[in-house]
Every structure is written in structure tokens, then in C-alpha cells.
Amino acid sequence: MTANASDSTTESGIDNDENGSDDDDEIPVWLVERTYSDDELNLIILVYATEDGRRYHRRERALTSFSGPARETSAGLVVSPADVGTVDDPDTRERYAEEASRMAERHDPNDSV
């Protein structure tokens, strides 16, 4: 899996990669999965995916970093193609597509979820 833990945010509130790629290169992704690691690191793993479920973006955050408005979890992000991986499993791809589409219909990208 390709992942990027970058949390840079533009003034509009939409997260972008640190490299400042052109708008044409950016990929919108939606939150599809939030899991807690079961190790001693107390990490929360956020997985965002494209609406077709074919690509994903993963972020890991320390559980303690979720306090305060600056650390809210956005419904959607805009990320660089370099920061997405391919979803190979057909069942996972279908699940991600369904959840990403549902999130896109119900939320603005900047909504806190």
C-alpha cells in the first residue's frame, strides 16, 4: 500500500500534498475506513478512497492527536497521485466504492466526520 501521513491543509480546508501539485493532478478521495491499531502505538488508521474504489490513500494518526479542531477528520481530501495506492482485491474495491460514493453524496469534503 502506498501511504502518506502528510496533513498539510490549504486555506480552503481541503488537504493537499506537500508538493503543491497542479489541480489537474489532484485526486479527490473520501473517508471509507477508520480503524484502531491493536498494538501499543495507539494509532488510528484512516483510509480514503476514490469513488470508483480503485485507488486509496492511508493516514495514520496517534490517538492523542485527535483533540482540538485542528485535528478533525475530514470527509474528503484532495491528494497527489503519488500519494495513492491501487486496490487490488475486488471485494475491497467494491466496498470502498460504495462507501466513498455514500460519503460524497452526504458530505462536503470539508465536513468533519
N, C-alpha and C. Protein backbone atom coordinates (compact mmCIF):
# COMPACT_ATOMS: atom_id res chain seq x y z
N MET A 1 0.83 -1.19 0.00
CA MET A 1 0.00 0.00 0.00
C MET A 1 0.87 1.24 0.00
N THR A 2 0.49 2.20 -0.79
CA THR A 2 1.17 3.49 -0.80
C THR A 2 0.45 4.38 0.20
N ALA A 3 1.17 5.05 1.04
CA ALA A 3 0.55 5.89 2.06
C ALA A 3 1.35 7.15 2.25
N ASN A 4 0.66 8.18 2.74
CA ASN A 4 1.31 9.43 3.06
C ASN A 4 0.65 9.97 4.30
N ALA A 5 1.42 10.27 5.31
CA ALA A 5 0.87 10.79 6.55
C ALA A 5 0.88 12.30 6.58
N SER A 6 1.08 12.94 5.45
CA SER A 6 1.09 14.40 5.37
C SER A 6 -0.27 14.95 5.76
N ASP A 7 -0.26 15.99 6.56
CA ASP A 7 -1.52 16.60 6.97
C ASP A 7 -1.55 18.08 6.63
N SER A 8 -0.93 18.49 5.53
CA SER A 8 -0.97 19.90 5.15
C SER A 8 -2.36 20.24 4.62
N THR A 9 -2.83 21.43 4.93
CA THR A 9 -4.17 21.84 4.56
C THR A 9 -4.12 23.21 3.91
N THR A 10 -4.86 23.39 2.82
CA THR A 10 -4.93 24.68 2.16
C THR A 10 -5.86 25.59 2.94
N GLU A 11 -5.88 26.87 2.57
CA GLU A 11 -6.76 27.82 3.24
C GLU A 11 -8.22 27.43 3.09
N SER A 12 -8.58 26.74 2.03
CA SER A 12 -9.96 26.33 1.83
C SER A 12 -10.35 25.19 2.75
N GLY A 13 -9.34 24.59 3.43
CA GLY A 13 -9.62 23.50 4.33
C GLY A 13 -9.49 22.14 3.67
N ILE A 14 -9.21 22.10 2.38
CA ILE A 14 -9.04 20.82 1.71
C ILE A 14 -7.58 20.45 1.80
N ASP A 15 -7.32 19.22 2.24
CA ASP A 15 -5.96 18.75 2.39
C ASP A 15 -5.33 18.50 1.04
N ASN A 16 -4.08 18.90 0.89
CA ASN A 16 -3.31 18.67 -0.33
C ASN A 16 -1.97 18.09 0.04
N ASP A 17 -1.29 17.55 -0.93
CA ASP A 17 0.05 17.04 -0.67
C ASP A 17 1.02 18.18 -0.46
N GLU A 18 2.16 17.89 0.12
CA GLU A 18 3.15 18.92 0.42
C GLU A 18 3.84 19.46 -0.81
N ASN A 19 3.77 18.75 -1.92
CA ASN A 19 4.50 19.15 -3.12
C ASN A 19 3.78 20.22 -3.93
N GLY A 20 2.55 20.57 -3.56
CA GLY A 20 1.83 21.62 -4.26
C GLY A 20 1.56 21.28 -5.71
N SER A 21 1.12 20.09 -5.99
CA SER A 21 0.88 19.68 -7.36
C SER A 21 -0.25 20.47 -7.98
N ASP A 22 -0.29 20.50 -9.31
CA ASP A 22 -1.33 21.22 -10.04
C ASP A 22 -2.69 20.61 -9.76
N ASP A 23 -3.74 21.45 -9.87
CA ASP A 23 -5.10 20.98 -9.63
C ASP A 23 -5.47 19.81 -10.53
N ASP A 24 -4.95 19.79 -11.77
CA ASP A 24 -5.26 18.71 -12.69
C ASP A 24 -4.73 17.37 -12.19
N ASP A 25 -3.69 17.39 -11.39
CA ASP A 25 -3.07 16.17 -10.90
C ASP A 25 -3.70 15.66 -9.61
N GLU A 26 -4.48 16.47 -8.95
CA GLU A 26 -5.02 16.11 -7.65
C GLU A 26 -6.19 15.14 -7.78
N ILE A 27 -6.28 14.24 -6.82
CA ILE A 27 -7.31 13.20 -6.84
C ILE A 27 -8.19 13.35 -5.61
N PRO A 28 -9.51 13.52 -5.78
CA PRO A 28 -10.40 13.57 -4.62
C PRO A 28 -10.62 12.16 -4.07
N VAL A 29 -10.51 12.04 -2.76
CA VAL A 29 -10.75 10.77 -2.08
C VAL A 29 -11.67 11.03 -0.89
N TRP A 30 -12.38 9.99 -0.47
CA TRP A 30 -13.38 10.09 0.60
C TRP A 30 -13.08 9.07 1.68
N LEU A 31 -13.36 9.42 2.93
CA LEU A 31 -13.11 8.53 4.05
C LEU A 31 -13.97 7.27 3.91
N VAL A 32 -13.32 6.12 3.92
CA VAL A 32 -14.04 4.85 3.76
C VAL A 32 -13.81 3.91 4.93
N GLU A 33 -12.79 4.18 5.73
CA GLU A 33 -12.46 3.26 6.81
C GLU A 33 -11.68 3.98 7.89
N ARG A 34 -12.05 3.70 9.14
CA ARG A 34 -11.33 4.24 10.29
C ARG A 34 -11.14 3.08 11.25
N THR A 35 -9.89 2.69 11.48
CA THR A 35 -9.62 1.57 12.36
C THR A 35 -8.60 1.97 13.41
N TYR A 36 -8.60 1.22 14.48
CA TYR A 36 -7.66 1.45 15.58
C TYR A 36 -6.64 0.32 15.57
N SER A 37 -5.38 0.68 15.64
CA SER A 37 -4.36 -0.36 15.67
C SER A 37 -4.44 -1.08 17.00
N ASP A 38 -4.13 -2.35 16.98
CA ASP A 38 -4.21 -3.13 18.22
C ASP A 38 -2.83 -3.37 18.81
N ASP A 39 -1.92 -2.46 18.52
CA ASP A 39 -0.61 -2.55 19.13
C ASP A 39 -0.46 -1.44 20.17
N GLU A 40 0.71 -1.34 20.74
CA GLU A 40 0.93 -0.36 21.82
C GLU A 40 1.06 1.07 21.33
N LEU A 41 1.04 1.29 20.00
CA LEU A 41 1.23 2.63 19.47
C LEU A 41 -0.02 3.50 19.54
N ASN A 42 -1.18 2.90 19.77
CA ASN A 42 -2.44 3.65 19.85
C ASN A 42 -2.66 4.53 18.63
N LEU A 43 -2.57 3.93 17.45
CA LEU A 43 -2.77 4.65 16.21
C LEU A 43 -4.18 4.49 15.69
N ILE A 44 -4.65 5.53 15.05
CA ILE A 44 -5.90 5.47 14.30
C ILE A 44 -5.50 5.50 12.83
N ILE A 45 -6.01 4.54 12.08
CA ILE A 45 -5.69 4.44 10.66
C ILE A 45 -6.89 4.91 9.87
N LEU A 46 -6.69 5.93 9.04
CA LEU A 46 -7.74 6.48 8.20
C LEU A 46 -7.46 6.07 6.76
N VAL A 47 -8.45 5.50 6.11
CA VAL A 47 -8.31 5.12 4.71
C VAL A 47 -9.32 5.91 3.91
N TYR A 48 -8.84 6.61 2.90
CA TYR A 48 -9.66 7.37 1.96
C TYR A 48 -9.58 6.67 0.61
N ALA A 49 -10.65 6.71 -0.17
CA ALA A 49 -10.64 6.05 -1.48
C ALA A 49 -11.37 6.91 -2.50
N THR A 50 -11.06 6.65 -3.76
CA THR A 50 -11.77 7.30 -4.86
C THR A 50 -13.17 6.69 -4.95
N GLU A 51 -14.07 7.39 -5.61
CA GLU A 51 -15.45 6.90 -5.70
C GLU A 51 -15.59 5.62 -6.50
N ASP A 52 -14.61 5.32 -7.34
CA ASP A 52 -14.67 4.04 -8.05
C ASP A 52 -14.02 2.91 -7.25
N GLY A 53 -13.43 3.24 -6.10
CA GLY A 53 -12.84 2.25 -5.22
C GLY A 53 -11.51 1.68 -5.69
N ARG A 54 -10.98 2.18 -6.79
CA ARG A 54 -9.77 1.61 -7.36
C ARG A 54 -8.48 2.14 -6.74
N ARG A 55 -8.54 3.31 -6.11
CA ARG A 55 -7.34 3.90 -5.51
C ARG A 55 -7.65 4.32 -4.08
N TYR A 56 -6.62 4.29 -3.23
CA TYR A 56 -6.81 4.65 -1.83
C TYR A 56 -5.63 5.48 -1.33
N HIS A 57 -5.89 6.17 -0.22
CA HIS A 57 -4.88 6.98 0.46
C HIS A 57 -5.00 6.64 1.94
N ARG A 58 -3.88 6.37 2.60
CA ARG A 58 -3.90 5.96 4.01
C ARG A 58 -3.14 6.97 4.85
N ARG A 59 -3.71 7.26 6.03
CA ARG A 59 -3.05 8.13 7.01
C ARG A 59 -3.10 7.45 8.36
N GLU A 60 -2.05 7.64 9.12
CA GLU A 60 -2.01 7.13 10.49
C GLU A 60 -1.84 8.32 11.42
N ARG A 61 -2.59 8.29 12.50
CA ARG A 61 -2.51 9.36 13.50
C ARG A 61 -2.46 8.75 14.88
N ALA A 62 -1.72 9.40 15.74
CA ALA A 62 -1.71 8.98 17.14
C ALA A 62 -3.06 9.34 17.75
N LEU A 63 -3.57 8.45 18.56
CA LEU A 63 -4.87 8.68 19.19
C LEU A 63 -4.89 10.01 19.93
N THR A 64 -3.80 10.38 20.55
CA THR A 64 -3.73 11.63 21.30
C THR A 64 -3.79 12.87 20.42
N SER A 65 -3.57 12.72 19.11
CA SER A 65 -3.58 13.88 18.22
C SER A 65 -4.99 14.25 17.76
N PHE A 66 -6.00 13.56 18.23
CA PHE A 66 -7.35 13.82 17.78
C PHE A 66 -8.09 14.83 18.64
N SER A 67 -7.39 15.56 19.48
CA SER A 67 -8.06 16.58 20.28
C SER A 67 -7.88 17.94 19.62
N GLY A 68 -8.91 18.75 19.71
CA GLY A 68 -8.86 20.09 19.16
C GLY A 68 -9.33 20.15 17.72
N PRO A 69 -9.81 21.32 17.28
CA PRO A 69 -10.37 21.46 15.94
C PRO A 69 -9.36 21.28 14.82
N ALA A 70 -8.09 21.50 15.08
CA ALA A 70 -7.08 21.37 14.02
C ALA A 70 -6.89 19.91 13.60
N ARG A 71 -7.34 18.98 14.39
CA ARG A 71 -7.13 17.57 14.10
C ARG A 71 -8.43 16.85 13.74
N GLU A 72 -9.42 17.58 13.30
CA GLU A 72 -10.67 16.96 12.89
C GLU A 72 -10.44 16.08 11.67
N THR A 73 -11.23 15.05 11.54
CA THR A 73 -11.13 14.15 10.39
C THR A 73 -12.10 14.63 9.32
N SER A 74 -11.58 14.96 8.16
CA SER A 74 -12.39 15.46 7.05
C SER A 74 -13.04 14.31 6.30
N ALA A 75 -14.23 14.57 5.79
CA ALA A 75 -14.93 13.56 4.99
C ALA A 75 -14.18 13.27 3.70
N GLY A 76 -13.54 14.29 3.14
CA GLY A 76 -12.82 14.10 1.89
C GLY A 76 -11.51 14.86 1.87
N LEU A 77 -10.62 14.42 1.03
CA LEU A 77 -9.32 15.07 0.83
C LEU A 77 -9.06 15.19 -0.66
N VAL A 78 -8.08 15.99 -1.00
CA VAL A 78 -7.57 16.04 -2.36
C VAL A 78 -6.09 15.74 -2.24
N VAL A 79 -5.64 14.66 -2.90
CA VAL A 79 -4.26 14.21 -2.74
C VAL A 79 -3.57 14.06 -4.08
N SER A 80 -2.26 14.04 -4.04
CA SER A 80 -1.44 13.85 -5.22
C SER A 80 -1.51 12.40 -5.70
N PRO A 81 -1.40 12.16 -6.99
CA PRO A 81 -1.36 10.78 -7.49
C PRO A 81 -0.23 9.97 -6.86
N ALA A 82 0.83 10.62 -6.47
CA ALA A 82 1.95 9.92 -5.83
C ALA A 82 1.58 9.39 -4.45
N ASP A 83 0.48 9.90 -3.89
CA ASP A 83 0.08 9.54 -2.54
C ASP A 83 -1.09 8.56 -2.50
N VAL A 84 -1.38 7.91 -3.61
CA VAL A 84 -2.45 6.91 -3.63
C VAL A 84 -1.89 5.57 -4.07
N GLY A 85 -2.53 4.53 -3.58
CA GLY A 85 -2.17 3.17 -3.98
C GLY A 85 -3.33 2.55 -4.72
N THR A 86 -3.10 1.39 -5.27
CA THR A 86 -4.12 0.67 -6.03
C THR A 86 -4.78 -0.38 -5.15
N VAL A 87 -6.09 -0.48 -5.23
CA VAL A 87 -6.83 -1.51 -4.51
C VAL A 87 -6.97 -2.71 -5.43
N ASP A 88 -6.30 -3.79 -5.09
CA ASP A 88 -6.28 -4.97 -5.95
C ASP A 88 -7.43 -5.94 -5.68
N ASP A 89 -7.85 -6.05 -4.43
CA ASP A 89 -8.89 -7.00 -4.08
C ASP A 89 -10.25 -6.52 -4.56
N PRO A 90 -10.98 -7.30 -5.36
CA PRO A 90 -12.27 -6.87 -5.90
C PRO A 90 -13.32 -6.58 -4.82
N ASP A 91 -13.34 -7.36 -3.75
CA ASP A 91 -14.32 -7.12 -2.68
C ASP A 91 -14.03 -5.81 -1.95
N THR A 92 -12.76 -5.56 -1.68
CA THR A 92 -12.37 -4.30 -1.04
C THR A 92 -12.66 -3.14 -1.96
N ARG A 93 -12.37 -3.28 -3.23
CA ARG A 93 -12.64 -2.23 -4.21
C ARG A 93 -14.13 -1.88 -4.23
N GLU A 94 -14.98 -2.89 -4.22
CA GLU A 94 -16.42 -2.66 -4.23
C GLU A 94 -16.88 -1.97 -2.95
N ARG A 95 -16.35 -2.43 -1.81
CA ARG A 95 -16.72 -1.82 -0.52
C ARG A 95 -16.26 -0.37 -0.47
N TYR A 96 -15.04 -0.10 -0.91
CA TYR A 96 -14.53 1.28 -0.93
C TYR A 96 -15.36 2.16 -1.85
N ALA A 97 -15.73 1.64 -3.02
CA ALA A 97 -16.53 2.42 -3.97
C ALA A 97 -17.88 2.78 -3.37
N GLU A 98 -18.53 1.83 -2.73
CA GLU A 98 -19.83 2.09 -2.11
C GLU A 98 -19.72 3.13 -1.01
N GLU A 99 -18.72 2.98 -0.14
CA GLU A 99 -18.58 3.92 0.98
C GLU A 99 -18.14 5.30 0.51
N ALA A 100 -17.22 5.37 -0.44
CA ALA A 100 -16.77 6.67 -0.95
C ALA A 100 -17.92 7.40 -1.64
N SER A 101 -18.72 6.69 -2.40
CA SER A 101 -19.88 7.30 -3.07
C SER A 101 -20.89 7.80 -2.05
N ARG A 102 -21.12 7.00 -1.00
CA ARG A 102 -22.06 7.40 0.06
C ARG A 102 -21.56 8.66 0.77
N MET A 103 -20.27 8.71 1.08
CA MET A 103 -19.71 9.88 1.74
C MET A 103 -19.81 11.11 0.85
N ALA A 104 -19.53 10.95 -0.44
CA ALA A 104 -19.58 12.07 -1.39
C ALA A 104 -21.00 12.61 -1.51
N GLU A 105 -22.00 11.74 -1.44
CA GLU A 105 -23.40 12.17 -1.54
C GLU A 105 -23.86 12.90 -0.28
N ARG A 106 -23.38 12.49 0.86
CA ARG A 106 -23.87 13.01 2.14
C ARG A 106 -23.06 14.15 2.73
N HIS A 107 -21.81 14.31 2.28
CA HIS A 107 -20.92 15.28 2.92
C HIS A 107 -20.19 16.14 1.91
N ASP A 108 -19.83 17.34 2.35
CA ASP A 108 -18.87 18.16 1.64
C ASP A 108 -17.51 17.66 2.08
N PRO A 109 -16.48 17.83 1.23
CA PRO A 109 -15.15 17.33 1.62
C PRO A 109 -14.65 17.88 2.94
N ASN A 110 -15.00 19.11 3.26
CA ASN A 110 -14.52 19.73 4.49
C ASN A 110 -15.31 19.38 5.74
N ASP A 111 -16.40 18.62 5.58
CA ASP A 111 -17.18 18.22 6.75
C ASP A 111 -16.33 17.39 7.70
N SER A 112 -16.51 17.62 8.97
CA SER A 112 -15.82 16.83 9.99
C SER A 112 -16.68 15.59 10.27
N VAL A 113 -16.05 14.45 10.22
CA VAL A 113 -16.78 13.19 10.46
C VAL A 113 -16.12 12.38 11.56
